[in-house]
N, C-alpha and C. Protein backbone atom coordinates (compact mmCIF):
# COMPACT_ATOMS: atom_id res chain seq x y z
N MET A 1 8.12 -26.11 -15.77
CA MET A 1 7.71 -25.46 -14.41
C MET A 1 7.98 -25.97 -13.25
N ASN A 2 8.30 -25.78 -12.17
CA ASN A 2 8.38 -26.51 -10.88
C ASN A 2 7.31 -26.29 -10.14
N GLY A 3 6.76 -27.04 -8.91
CA GLY A 3 5.45 -27.56 -8.46
C GLY A 3 5.29 -26.02 -7.71
N LEU A 4 6.58 -25.19 -7.50
CA LEU A 4 6.24 -23.85 -6.72
C LEU A 4 5.73 -22.97 -7.40
N SER A 5 6.13 -23.17 -8.69
CA SER A 5 5.41 -22.04 -9.48
C SER A 5 3.88 -22.27 -10.16
N ASP A 6 3.93 -23.60 -10.18
CA ASP A 6 2.56 -23.85 -10.59
C ASP A 6 1.51 -23.30 -9.18
N VAL A 7 1.89 -23.48 -8.02
CA VAL A 7 1.04 -22.92 -6.77
C VAL A 7 0.90 -21.84 -6.89
N ARG A 8 1.85 -20.71 -7.33
CA ARG A 8 2.22 -19.21 -7.16
C ARG A 8 0.65 -18.86 -8.16
N LEU A 9 1.15 -19.46 -9.58
CA LEU A 9 0.33 -19.13 -10.76
C LEU A 9 -1.22 -19.30 -10.33
N THR A 10 -1.61 -20.89 -9.43
CA THR A 10 -2.73 -20.92 -9.21
C THR A 10 -3.45 -20.14 -8.19
N LEU A 11 -2.47 -19.77 -7.08
CA LEU A 11 -3.33 -18.50 -6.45
C LEU A 11 -3.47 -17.23 -6.75
N HIS A 12 -2.27 -17.07 -7.76
CA HIS A 12 -2.48 -15.85 -8.57
C HIS A 12 -3.91 -15.52 -9.35
N SER A 13 -4.06 -16.26 -9.61
CA SER A 13 -5.47 -16.58 -10.36
C SER A 13 -6.35 -16.48 -9.49
N GLN A 14 -6.77 -17.42 -8.60
CA GLN A 14 -7.65 -17.25 -8.01
C GLN A 14 -7.83 -15.84 -7.24
N GLU A 15 -6.68 -15.12 -6.85
CA GLU A 15 -7.02 -13.49 -6.20
C GLU A 15 -7.46 -13.21 -7.63
N LEU A 16 -7.01 -13.03 -8.66
CA LEU A 16 -7.34 -12.17 -9.60
C LEU A 16 -9.48 -12.38 -9.80
N ALA A 17 -9.65 -13.64 -9.90
CA ALA A 17 -10.76 -14.04 -10.06
C ALA A 17 -11.62 -12.93 -8.79
N LYS A 18 -11.09 -13.62 -7.57
CA LYS A 18 -11.96 -12.90 -6.44
C LYS A 18 -11.63 -11.44 -6.43
N GLY A 19 -11.00 -11.10 -7.01
CA GLY A 19 -10.74 -9.38 -6.95
C GLY A 19 -12.15 -8.89 -7.89
N GLN A 20 -12.36 -10.06 -9.13
CA GLN A 20 -13.33 -9.54 -10.45
C GLN A 20 -14.67 -9.55 -9.60
N ASP A 21 -14.72 -10.48 -8.36
CA ASP A 21 -16.37 -10.83 -8.19
C ASP A 21 -16.48 -9.53 -6.99
N ASN A 22 -15.62 -9.35 -6.78
CA ASN A 22 -16.04 -7.96 -5.70
C ASN A 22 -16.39 -6.83 -6.63
N GLY A 23 -16.43 -6.64 -7.45
CA GLY A 23 -16.91 -5.63 -8.28
C GLY A 23 -15.88 -4.12 -8.08
N THR A 24 -16.61 -3.37 -8.35
CA THR A 24 -15.82 -1.91 -8.01
C THR A 24 -15.87 -1.43 -6.97
N ARG A 25 -16.21 -2.08 -6.27
CA ARG A 25 -16.84 -1.18 -4.41
C ARG A 25 -15.29 -1.96 -4.05
N ALA A 26 -14.94 -2.71 -4.18
CA ALA A 26 -13.83 -2.97 -3.93
C ALA A 26 -12.61 -1.81 -4.36
N ALA A 27 -12.59 -1.63 -5.24
CA ALA A 27 -11.42 -0.42 -5.91
C ALA A 27 -11.90 0.35 -5.18
N ASN A 28 -13.13 0.72 -4.97
CA ASN A 28 -13.58 2.35 -4.16
C ASN A 28 -12.68 2.70 -2.91
N MET A 29 -12.69 1.00 -2.26
CA MET A 29 -12.58 1.09 -0.46
C MET A 29 -11.29 1.15 -0.60
N ARG A 30 -10.53 1.02 -1.40
CA ARG A 30 -8.58 0.73 -1.35
C ARG A 30 -7.92 1.55 -0.57
N ASN A 31 -7.72 0.84 0.77
CA ASN A 31 -6.82 1.48 1.45
C ASN A 31 -7.79 2.06 2.62
N ALA A 32 -8.83 1.97 2.62
CA ALA A 32 -9.75 1.93 3.63
C ALA A 32 -10.11 0.88 4.83
N PRO A 33 -10.35 1.59 5.85
CA PRO A 33 -10.41 0.59 7.03
C PRO A 33 -11.97 -0.12 6.34
N SER A 34 -12.30 -1.73 6.62
CA SER A 34 -13.06 -2.18 6.51
C SER A 34 -14.39 -2.12 7.30
N GLY A 35 -15.54 -2.40 6.72
CA GLY A 35 -16.78 -1.95 7.56
C GLY A 35 -17.10 -0.58 7.29
N LEU A 36 -16.60 0.55 6.30
CA LEU A 36 -17.01 1.66 6.33
C LEU A 36 -18.19 1.61 5.36
N GLY A 37 -19.32 2.64 5.51
CA GLY A 37 -20.05 3.15 4.81
C GLY A 37 -20.12 4.12 3.86
N ARG A 38 -20.81 4.35 2.86
CA ARG A 38 -20.30 5.63 1.89
C ARG A 38 -19.90 6.56 2.88
N TRP A 39 -20.57 7.39 3.98
CA TRP A 39 -20.37 8.32 4.76
C TRP A 39 -19.19 8.04 5.59
N GLY A 40 -18.75 7.13 5.86
CA GLY A 40 -17.58 6.86 6.62
C GLY A 40 -16.42 6.70 5.94
N LEU A 41 -16.32 6.50 4.63
CA LEU A 41 -15.69 6.39 3.55
C LEU A 41 -14.82 7.80 3.42
N PHE A 42 -16.28 8.66 3.12
CA PHE A 42 -16.16 9.89 2.77
C PHE A 42 -15.16 10.80 3.97
N TRP A 43 -15.60 10.37 5.22
CA TRP A 43 -14.97 10.89 6.23
C TRP A 43 -13.30 10.44 6.16
N HIS A 44 -13.18 9.17 6.14
CA HIS A 44 -11.69 9.02 6.09
C HIS A 44 -10.77 9.44 5.07
N ARG A 45 -11.74 9.79 3.90
CA ARG A 45 -10.77 10.54 2.57
C ARG A 45 -10.20 11.70 2.82
N LEU A 46 -11.59 12.45 3.46
CA LEU A 46 -11.40 13.92 4.29
C LEU A 46 -10.00 14.08 4.57
N HIS A 47 -10.13 12.71 5.86
CA HIS A 47 -9.02 13.05 7.00
C HIS A 47 -7.46 12.86 6.31
N THR A 48 -7.61 11.65 5.58
CA THR A 48 -6.30 11.43 5.21
C THR A 48 -6.06 12.39 4.33
N ARG A 49 -6.44 12.97 3.42
CA ARG A 49 -6.03 13.77 2.48
C ARG A 49 -5.62 14.71 3.15
N LYS A 50 -6.07 15.51 4.21
CA LYS A 50 -5.74 16.96 4.90
C LYS A 50 -4.57 16.26 5.25
N ALA A 51 -4.46 15.38 6.21
CA ALA A 51 -3.15 14.90 6.92
C ALA A 51 -1.90 14.52 6.05
N LEU A 52 -2.34 14.63 4.58
CA LEU A 52 -0.81 14.48 3.12
C LEU A 52 -0.59 15.79 3.46
N LEU A 53 -1.61 17.01 3.67
CA LEU A 53 -0.93 18.56 3.73
C LEU A 53 0.01 18.91 4.76
N VAL A 54 0.12 18.63 5.52
CA VAL A 54 1.08 18.51 6.93
C VAL A 54 2.10 17.83 6.67
N LEU A 55 2.45 16.96 5.87
CA LEU A 55 3.41 15.78 6.61
C LEU A 55 5.05 16.72 6.30
N SER A 56 5.39 16.35 6.71
CA SER A 56 7.24 16.99 6.92
C SER A 56 8.07 16.39 5.40
N PRO A 57 8.58 16.98 4.89
CA PRO A 57 9.55 16.25 3.58
C PRO A 57 9.92 15.13 4.10
N GLU A 58 10.54 14.68 5.23
CA GLU A 58 10.79 13.20 5.50
C GLU A 58 9.91 12.37 5.65
N GLN A 59 8.92 12.38 6.03
CA GLN A 59 7.50 11.73 5.81
C GLN A 59 7.24 11.20 4.68
N LEU A 60 6.90 12.18 3.91
CA LEU A 60 6.61 12.05 2.86
C LEU A 60 7.36 11.39 1.68
N GLN A 61 8.85 11.08 1.91
CA GLN A 61 9.79 10.32 1.31
C GLN A 61 9.44 9.11 1.98
N ASP A 62 9.22 9.09 3.23
CA ASP A 62 8.92 7.74 3.92
C ASP A 62 7.78 6.72 2.54
N ILE A 63 6.95 7.87 2.52
CA ILE A 63 5.70 6.94 1.99
C ILE A 63 5.98 7.20 0.31
N GLY A 64 7.12 7.55 -0.22
CA GLY A 64 7.14 7.38 -1.25
C GLY A 64 6.63 8.65 -2.13
N LEU A 65 6.03 9.67 -1.85
CA LEU A 65 5.39 11.09 -2.56
C LEU A 65 6.10 12.07 -2.31
N SER A 66 5.91 12.79 -3.52
CA SER A 66 6.65 14.20 -3.81
C SER A 66 6.01 15.14 -2.78
N ARG A 67 5.86 16.39 -2.51
CA ARG A 67 5.33 17.48 -1.99
C ARG A 67 4.28 17.93 -2.99
N GLU A 68 4.43 17.68 -3.94
CA GLU A 68 3.40 18.22 -5.33
C GLU A 68 2.66 16.90 -5.22
N GLN A 69 2.64 15.83 -5.18
CA GLN A 69 1.64 14.53 -5.58
C GLN A 69 1.03 14.74 -4.08
N ALA A 70 1.57 14.97 -3.38
CA ALA A 70 0.42 15.26 -1.63
C ALA A 70 -0.31 15.99 -1.75
N ARG A 71 0.32 17.02 -2.36
CA ARG A 71 -0.72 18.43 -2.40
C ARG A 71 -1.87 18.19 -3.12
N GLU A 72 -1.51 17.39 -4.41
CA GLU A 72 -2.66 17.36 -5.10
C GLU A 72 -3.68 16.14 -4.72
N GLU A 73 -3.32 15.02 -4.08
CA GLU A 73 -4.00 14.26 -3.79
C GLU A 73 -4.63 14.76 -2.15
N GLY A 74 -4.38 15.56 -1.34
CA GLY A 74 -4.59 16.72 -0.05
C GLY A 74 -5.75 17.63 -0.54
N LEU A 75 -5.58 18.14 -1.81
CA LEU A 75 -6.52 19.09 -2.07
C LEU A 75 -7.79 18.60 -3.11
N LYS A 76 -7.98 17.11 -3.32
CA LYS A 76 -9.20 16.68 -4.02
C LYS A 76 -9.88 16.85 -3.16
N PRO A 77 -11.03 16.91 -3.77
CA PRO A 77 -12.71 16.85 -2.79
C PRO A 77 -12.70 15.14 -2.11
N PHE A 78 -13.44 15.06 -1.08
CA PHE A 78 -13.70 13.72 -0.52
C PHE A 78 -14.57 13.09 -1.24
N TRP A 79 -15.19 13.30 -2.19
CA TRP A 79 -16.18 12.45 -3.19
C TRP A 79 -15.30 11.87 -4.28
N ARG A 80 -14.22 12.18 -4.33
CA ARG A 80 -13.22 12.01 -5.53
C ARG A 80 -12.54 10.56 -5.15
N ILE A 81 -12.27 9.63 -6.35
CA ILE A 81 -11.48 8.64 -5.82
C ILE A 81 -10.20 9.21 -6.07
């Protein structure tokens, strides 16, 4: 391998190790603004999921979701990941 590939592999392994150190909280907070508590996270999920239900077909295409996928996610309770 060349030096650049070695650096990429090293950085990738460091990112993986750091991700494992964060535990499940990082996985639960994915795509949520930083600094949210439990209720803030629930509130964020509630509003973003409801927003999915009113997106136009063009907007859904922009984010790579079908109408069915958006509906399934939008109807999920706020406490589910």
